[in-house]
C-alpha cells in the first residue's frame, strides 16, 4: 500500500467515525425537541424535518472500521505530521508547478481567444442559478439542454470577457518610465536556480506568454572564445550559446509581427511591442565585442536606432520631446550596465547573481528557500558562495557595447543619492535604470516610499529576486509596483501566486500597462487622456474625487458573489466522490508589506450521493460542478494604491488531515472588474488553460461612514 492509499484509508476511517457521532448527535437533538443544528441548510430546503434529515442521513453511509483496519490506521497515523510546517495550508497556497511548453499564462496572454474558450460547459445547476437570479430566462439558459449544448444567449454570456481594461492603460504616448513592464528573471533557466537546465526555447516560451523584458547572463566561453555562453555563473546550471538566445528572440519578434498582420482587428493583446534585453555582462573585452557583433548580425535593424539616444540627450537637457513607448515601436532595446569612472566591482554587486551580503538582515519574508534539507541544494549553495568569493571582478563595459544601451543603462546603487537628494547629487547616465534586489529595496521601505516613488516617476527601476529563492519561488511584486517599480523580474519557471498576479496586471495587454496617475509625473497638456473627459484619470472630476478620498480617508468594500463552478479538474489518483471543493480568495494590496493578505473562503461543497432522491438534480450536482451561492466581503483603504489591488482565487478541496490540494487558480486586478455576473476561466498550476470556470459577480463600493461599517447592506 503506497502513501496515498494509506492516507486515503485514514481519511475514510476518521470520516466514518465522525459521521456516526454526528448521527447520534442528531438523534439526541431530535429527541429533545431542539432545532439547533450546526450543519448548513442545503439551498432550497424549507421544511425543518427535511432539513435535519438531509443534513444527517448521509452520515450512515460509511461503515465502522474493523479491528484489523484500526491497527492499520494507527500505524498510518503515526506517519502523518499534521502540525508540521509542510502541512500548513498557507505555506503552499503561493506555490505553483514547473511550467511546461503548454503554458500560455504569466504575462497577460491567457486572455487571448483560444479553442478551449469555445468549448466550455455550464452545468445544469448553474443554468438553473442563472434563471433563479434573473440573469437569463429559462429559454436563454437552456436549462433542459445537455450541459454541452448552448443557446446563442448562453454562449455569448459564457464567452464575454470577465474584465474590461480601461483604454488609458493601453496608451503608448508616454515615456517608458510611466509603464509597468512584464519581466522575467534568469529567463534561460528551466527550473532550479542553482542546478537547473538552460535552454534557448525558454525565451520563446516567456515571450509568447507576454513577457517583454528578458534577462541574459553572458559569460566568456573557454571552449570557443568567439561564441560567448549564457548561464547562471558559479552554479551547476548548464549553459547555452549567446547566439542561440539571440536567434530565439529574433524568431519570436518576427512571429509577433506576422501575428499582428493576421489579426488586424484583434486590437490590444496582438500589437507588436518592444522587447527589452536586460544584459548582465561577465565577459572580457574580446567577449563583449563578440556580443556586439552577434547582436548586430542577428538582430540587424530590429535593434533600437541610435536616433533614440540623441532624442534622449535632448530630453534630458529639456530641449526636446519625450521619447515615448510609441517611439520604441516593436524594436529590441538592450539594457547595458553603466560603471562610474574608477568604479571597482564588489562581490555584492550583480543583477541575477546577487551576493550574500545583500540578503543579510533580510526583510522577514518567510517564503525563501534557505530552510531546505536537500543535500544537493546545500552543496550547490556552498559551491555558489565559494565561487562568488574567489571570482575575479568582471571587466568594465567597452564603448561598443555601451553604445547598444541606447535607451536605458543599468546602474547598481552605490548609495542612496538616486532617491534621496540629501545624500548628494546623483550622477548617472540619461535614462538610467536602478537595478536592485527585493531585499535591497525593502530595506528602504516604508520610510522612503515617497522619495522612491518620485524617482520612479521619471526613471526606470528593475527589482529582482533575492539570492535565497533558489527553487524559483518569487518575490511579491505588488508592494514594489506600489512604488512605481516598472520592471519586477519574476522567475517564470513556476506559475505561483506572483506569476498569477502578474498575469492579472497584464491581462489582455501587450506587456506594457500605463501606471496609475499618482505614480507618474504631474500631468499637464500632454496627458494621455483629454482633461475634459470625466473618465480620464487626469480630469477635474477625477482630481476632485482623489482630494475627497484623501480628506475623508474613505474605504472601499468588495463583495464577491460566488455562485459555483463547472468542470473542477480532479487530479490523477483522486475520485470526484472524495473531493469537497471550495473557493478561497485573498485580497492583495500594495500596502500589505507583510505578505499576509486577508483571506475569505466558501464552505466546502459535498454531493449527497446516498440521498440524492431528496433533492432536485439542480440542487445536488456532482463535486466537479459545485454550488456555493455565497458572498465574500473585504474592506480596504480607498487610497492612491487602490488601483493596484488584486483578488486571487483558488479552487481547493477540503481534505482531512492533509494539505488541501489546489485544483485551479485565477487572479483579477480590481480596476478591470466589470461589476457584472461573468464566468472566470481558471488556469492550472502550470499556467495552462483548463475547462473549469467559476460564475461570480464582483461589486465594489465606498464605505462612507462609521455606521455603514456596522450596518452593512
Foldseek 3Di string as FASTA:
>chain_A
DDLVVLQVLLQLQVLLVVLVVLLVVLVVCVVVVHQDDPFDFFPPDDDSVLRSCLRRVLSPVRDHDDPVSVVSSVVSVVPFDLPDPVFDQVLPQQFFDFFDLQFQAQAALVLDDDPLLQQFFADLLVLVVCCVVVVDPCVQSVSVDDRRDHDPNRSCFFNDDQFFDPPQQFDFFAAPLQKAFRAAALQQFQWFQFATEGDLCSLVRVVSSQHQEYEFEWEADPVDRLWIWTDNPLGNYDIGTPLSNLLSNQVSLVVLVVQCVVCVPPPFPSFAFAHEYEYWYQYAPSSLVSNLVSNCVRCPPLAADLVLLVQLVCVVVVNHDHCTRVVNGNGYAYAAADDDVPDDDDLCDDFNLGAPVLCPVFPPADNFAPVDPDPVVVVRVVSSNVCSVPPDTGYDRDPSNVSSNRAEYEYEDPDDQLQDCVVDHDDDDRQYEHREEPRVVCVCPPVRLVSLLVSSQRHAYEYEYDPRNRRQRFDQCLLVVVSSHRHDHGHLRWQGDNSQLSNQVSHRHNRITRRQPVSHPDDDPSDSDDLCDCPDCNHPVNVVVQVVLVVQFWKKKKKKFFFWKAQQDDDPPDDQQQFFKKKKKFKDFSVPPNPDTDMDIFGTHHASDVVCVSDDCSSGDTSRTDTGRDMDMDMDTPHSRLQSMKMKMWIWTDRPSGHIDTRWIHMHRPNGRPQDWHWDFTAHSNNHGDSMTTTMGMDMDIDRDDVCVVVPD
